[in-house]
Protein backbone atom coordinates (compact mmCIF):
# COMPACT_ATOMS: atom_id res chain seq x y z
CA MET A 1 66.56 38.36 28.94
CA LYS A 2 66.62 34.69 29.81
CA ASN A 3 63.21 35.20 31.33
CA LYS A 4 61.70 36.76 28.49
CA TRP A 5 62.48 33.91 26.24
CA LYS A 6 61.41 31.45 28.86
CA LEU A 7 58.12 33.60 29.60
CA GLY A 8 57.51 33.67 25.81
CA PHE A 9 57.94 29.89 25.49
CA LEU A 10 55.69 29.27 28.36
CA ILE A 11 52.87 31.55 26.92
CA LEU A 12 53.34 29.96 23.40
CA LEU A 13 53.38 26.37 25.14
CA GLY A 14 50.16 27.30 26.91
CA ILE A 15 48.42 28.86 23.88
CA ASN A 16 49.14 25.44 22.01
CA LEU A 17 47.88 23.36 24.86
CA LEU A 18 44.66 25.55 25.00
CA ILE A 19 44.13 25.08 21.36
CA ALA A 20 44.87 21.17 21.55
CA ILE A 21 42.44 20.92 24.41
CA ILE A 22 39.64 22.97 22.58
CA LEU A 23 40.29 20.76 19.32
CA PHE A 24 40.26 17.35 21.47
CA SER A 25 37.02 18.48 23.26
CA LEU A 26 35.51 19.45 19.80
CA VAL A 27 36.57 16.00 18.16
CA THR A 28 35.41 13.95 21.19
CA ALA A 29 32.16 15.60 21.62
CA PRO A 30 28.95 13.42 20.91
CA ILE A 31 27.10 14.26 17.64
CA LYS A 32 23.43 15.38 17.90
CA GLU A 33 21.49 12.97 15.62
CA ASN A 34 18.34 14.13 14.16
CA GLU A 35 15.29 12.06 14.45
CA PRO A 36 13.79 10.86 11.18
CA VAL A 37 10.76 12.99 10.30
CA LYS A 38 7.63 10.95 11.45
CA THR A 39 4.75 10.68 8.93
CA ASN A 40 1.10 9.77 9.77
CA THR A 41 1.98 6.01 9.14
CA SER A 42 0.38 3.49 11.44
CA SER A 43 3.42 1.90 12.55
CA GLU A 44 7.39 3.13 13.30
CA ASP A 45 8.11 -0.33 11.81
CA TYR A 46 7.42 0.82 8.38
CA VAL A 47 9.05 3.27 5.98
CA SER A 48 6.59 4.72 3.15
CA PHE A 49 7.08 5.12 -0.64
CA HIS A 50 4.74 6.96 -2.73
CA VAL A 51 3.99 5.31 -6.24
CA ARG A 52 1.86 6.39 -9.16
CA SER A 53 0.64 3.65 -11.43
CA ASN A 54 -1.95 3.27 -14.33
CA LYS A 55 -4.88 1.20 -15.35
CA TYR A 56 -2.63 -1.20 -17.60
CA ASP A 57 -0.20 -1.94 -15.20
CA LEU A 58 -2.64 -2.30 -12.50
CA ASN A 59 -4.73 -4.76 -14.41
CA ARG A 60 -1.71 -7.10 -14.87
CA LEU A 61 -0.80 -6.78 -11.25
CA ILE A 62 -4.30 -7.42 -9.87
CA ASN A 63 -4.99 -10.34 -12.07
CA HIS A 64 -1.60 -12.00 -11.25
CA TYR A 65 -2.26 -11.47 -7.57
CA LEU A 66 -5.88 -13.16 -7.92
CA LYS A 67 -4.25 -15.99 -10.14
CA GLU A 68 -2.01 -16.76 -7.27
CA GLU A 69 -4.69 -16.28 -4.49
CA ALA A 70 -7.46 -18.11 -6.11
CA ALA A 71 -5.44 -20.95 -8.00
CA ASP A 72 -7.64 -23.69 -6.27
CA SER A 73 -10.88 -22.07 -6.43
CA PRO A 74 -13.43 -23.95 -8.75
CA ILE A 75 -14.75 -20.51 -10.14
CA GLU A 76 -12.63 -18.62 -12.44
CA TYR A 77 -12.81 -14.73 -12.29
CA LYS A 78 -10.69 -11.60 -13.22
CA VAL A 79 -10.93 -8.02 -12.87
CA LEU A 80 -10.47 -5.22 -15.44
CA LEU A 81 -9.99 -1.66 -14.88
CA GLY A 82 -11.62 0.66 -17.52
CA ASP A 83 -13.45 3.73 -16.50
CA GLU A 84 -14.87 1.67 -13.72
CA VAL A 85 -13.92 -1.82 -12.06
CA GLU A 86 -15.15 -4.83 -13.92
CA LEU A 87 -15.27 -8.29 -12.31
CA TYR A 88 -15.74 -10.88 -15.01
CA GLY A 89 -16.34 -14.66 -13.79
CA THR A 90 -17.96 -17.95 -14.75
CA PHE A 91 -19.67 -20.28 -12.34
CA PRO A 92 -21.17 -23.93 -12.86
CA PHE A 93 -25.04 -23.92 -13.07
CA PHE A 94 -26.04 -27.62 -13.85
CA SER A 95 -23.99 -28.66 -16.88
CA GLU A 96 -23.57 -24.90 -18.05
CA LYS A 97 -21.14 -22.29 -16.99
CA LEU A 98 -22.84 -19.06 -16.68
CA LYS A 99 -20.88 -15.64 -17.20
CA LEU A 100 -21.21 -13.08 -14.63
CA LYS A 101 -20.28 -9.51 -14.96
CA LEU A 102 -20.18 -6.82 -11.99
CA THR A 103 -19.21 -3.19 -12.30
CA PHE A 104 -18.26 -0.96 -9.73
CA GLU A 105 -17.25 2.53 -8.89
CA PRO A 106 -14.17 2.82 -6.74
CA SER A 107 -13.29 5.34 -4.04
CA ALA A 108 -10.18 5.31 -2.14
CA GLN A 109 -10.82 6.16 1.76
CA LYS A 110 -8.61 8.25 4.02
CA ASN A 111 -7.34 5.22 5.80
CA GLY A 112 -5.85 3.70 2.52
CA ASP A 113 -8.70 1.29 2.00
CA LEU A 114 -10.69 0.82 -1.15
CA ILE A 115 -14.40 0.52 -1.64
CA LEU A 116 -15.91 -0.92 -4.60
CA LYS A 117 -19.71 0.31 -4.89
CA GLN A 118 -21.83 -1.85 -7.04
CA LYS A 119 -23.10 -0.13 -10.04
CA SER A 120 -24.42 -2.81 -12.40
CA MET A 121 -24.44 -6.51 -12.81
CA SER A 122 -25.55 -9.33 -15.14
CA VAL A 123 -25.60 -13.12 -15.19
CA GLY A 124 -25.98 -14.09 -18.79
CA LYS A 125 -29.27 -12.32 -19.77
CA LEU A 126 -30.77 -12.95 -16.29
CA HIS A 127 -31.31 -10.25 -13.93
CA LEU A 128 -30.90 -11.09 -10.16
CA PRO A 129 -30.88 -8.80 -7.03
CA ILE A 130 -27.50 -7.22 -6.49
CA SER A 131 -27.45 -8.50 -3.05
CA PHE A 132 -28.16 -11.87 -4.22
CA VAL A 133 -25.15 -12.12 -6.46
CA LEU A 134 -22.84 -10.59 -4.01
CA ASN A 135 -23.85 -13.08 -1.45
CA PHE A 136 -23.17 -15.77 -4.04
CA ILE A 137 -19.86 -14.63 -4.83
CA ARG A 138 -18.83 -14.07 -0.96
CA GLU A 139 -19.84 -17.84 -0.28
CA LYS A 140 -18.49 -19.51 -3.53
CA TYR A 141 -15.59 -17.54 -4.83
CA LYS A 142 -12.33 -17.74 -2.97
CA LEU A 143 -11.25 -14.24 -2.26
CA PRO A 144 -8.10 -12.96 -0.79
CA LYS A 145 -7.92 -12.16 2.72
CA GLY A 146 -8.90 -8.46 3.28
CA VAL A 147 -11.65 -8.41 0.56
CA GLU A 148 -14.89 -8.18 2.34
CA ILE A 149 -18.31 -8.26 0.25
CA ARG A 150 -21.23 -6.51 2.05
CA PRO A 151 -24.20 -7.67 0.03
CA ASN A 152 -26.69 -5.52 1.95
CA ASP A 153 -24.63 -2.34 1.17
CA HIS A 154 -24.08 -3.46 -2.39
CA LEU A 155 -20.39 -2.94 -2.11
CA VAL A 156 -17.02 -4.75 -1.76
CA TYR A 157 -14.83 -3.15 0.83
CA ILE A 158 -10.96 -3.97 0.35
CA HIS A 159 -9.00 -3.69 3.66
CA MET A 160 -5.49 -3.00 1.59
CA GLN A 161 -3.23 -3.60 4.48
CA GLN A 162 -4.68 -6.99 5.12
CA LEU A 163 -4.06 -8.31 1.78
CA LYS A 164 -1.23 -10.58 1.75
CA GLN A 165 2.01 -9.18 0.14
CA LYS A 166 5.56 -10.77 -0.22
CA SER A 167 7.86 -9.35 2.35
CA ASP A 168 5.20 -8.07 4.61
CA LEU A 169 4.59 -5.03 2.23
CA LYS A 170 1.27 -3.03 3.16
CA ILE A 171 -0.16 -0.95 0.43
CA LYS A 172 -2.53 1.99 1.07
CA VAL A 173 -4.60 3.71 -1.79
CA ASP A 174 -4.25 7.58 -2.03
CA LYS A 175 -5.96 8.17 -5.33
CA PHE A 176 -8.04 5.95 -7.60
CA ASN A 177 -9.45 8.00 -10.32
CA LEU A 178 -9.95 5.49 -13.31
CA LYS A 179 -11.40 8.14 -15.72
CA LYS A 180 -8.19 10.18 -15.41
CA ASP A 181 -5.97 7.28 -15.06
CA ASP A 182 -4.88 8.84 -11.84
CA ILE A 183 -3.85 6.08 -9.48
CA ALA A 184 -1.62 6.78 -6.46
CA PHE A 185 -0.51 4.45 -3.60
CA THR A 186 1.67 4.21 -0.51
CA ILE A 187 3.70 1.32 -0.15
CA LEU A 188 4.87 0.48 3.68
CA VAL A 189 7.91 -1.52 3.68
CA PRO A 190 8.95 -3.07 6.82
CA VAL A 191 12.24 -2.09 8.44
CA LYS A 192 12.13 -4.47 11.69
């Protein structure tokens, strides 16, 4: 009978040791980490956030940005978003200040940039060729880095990711429909 108890004890001890070894191996096994889902962003150094906005808030943001970027420019200008993009400015002409108004039709590009196609323009009541006025603006106005004026194509090309932002943020335009007030951006935040 002694051998039965001894044999039972050893079997029970063996089962307990086996369970302990299995639990220990499960606890100490490495965890499989899933890789973050990659999107179509240009760099792995950024995390993307999708933002919707409206014309009112975007007007405030654009003009604040322009005020900071063109603070030392002798020519004043501002941008207003209505059913189209309107640029208002004044520039010195002899002893007078001439008023300038340009209207553009915006379109978001697949790469996140924004194109403003020239729609109409006026300098006081004087009608000048569009390419002349755009060339004048390119040479005389202090524009933020990333804003390219193409007088011959009658457009302004905004390289959104080249615009200087605080904390190295980058912005891509997803939608820019002013008539429907449907404006969407992707904000890329650096993580390195």
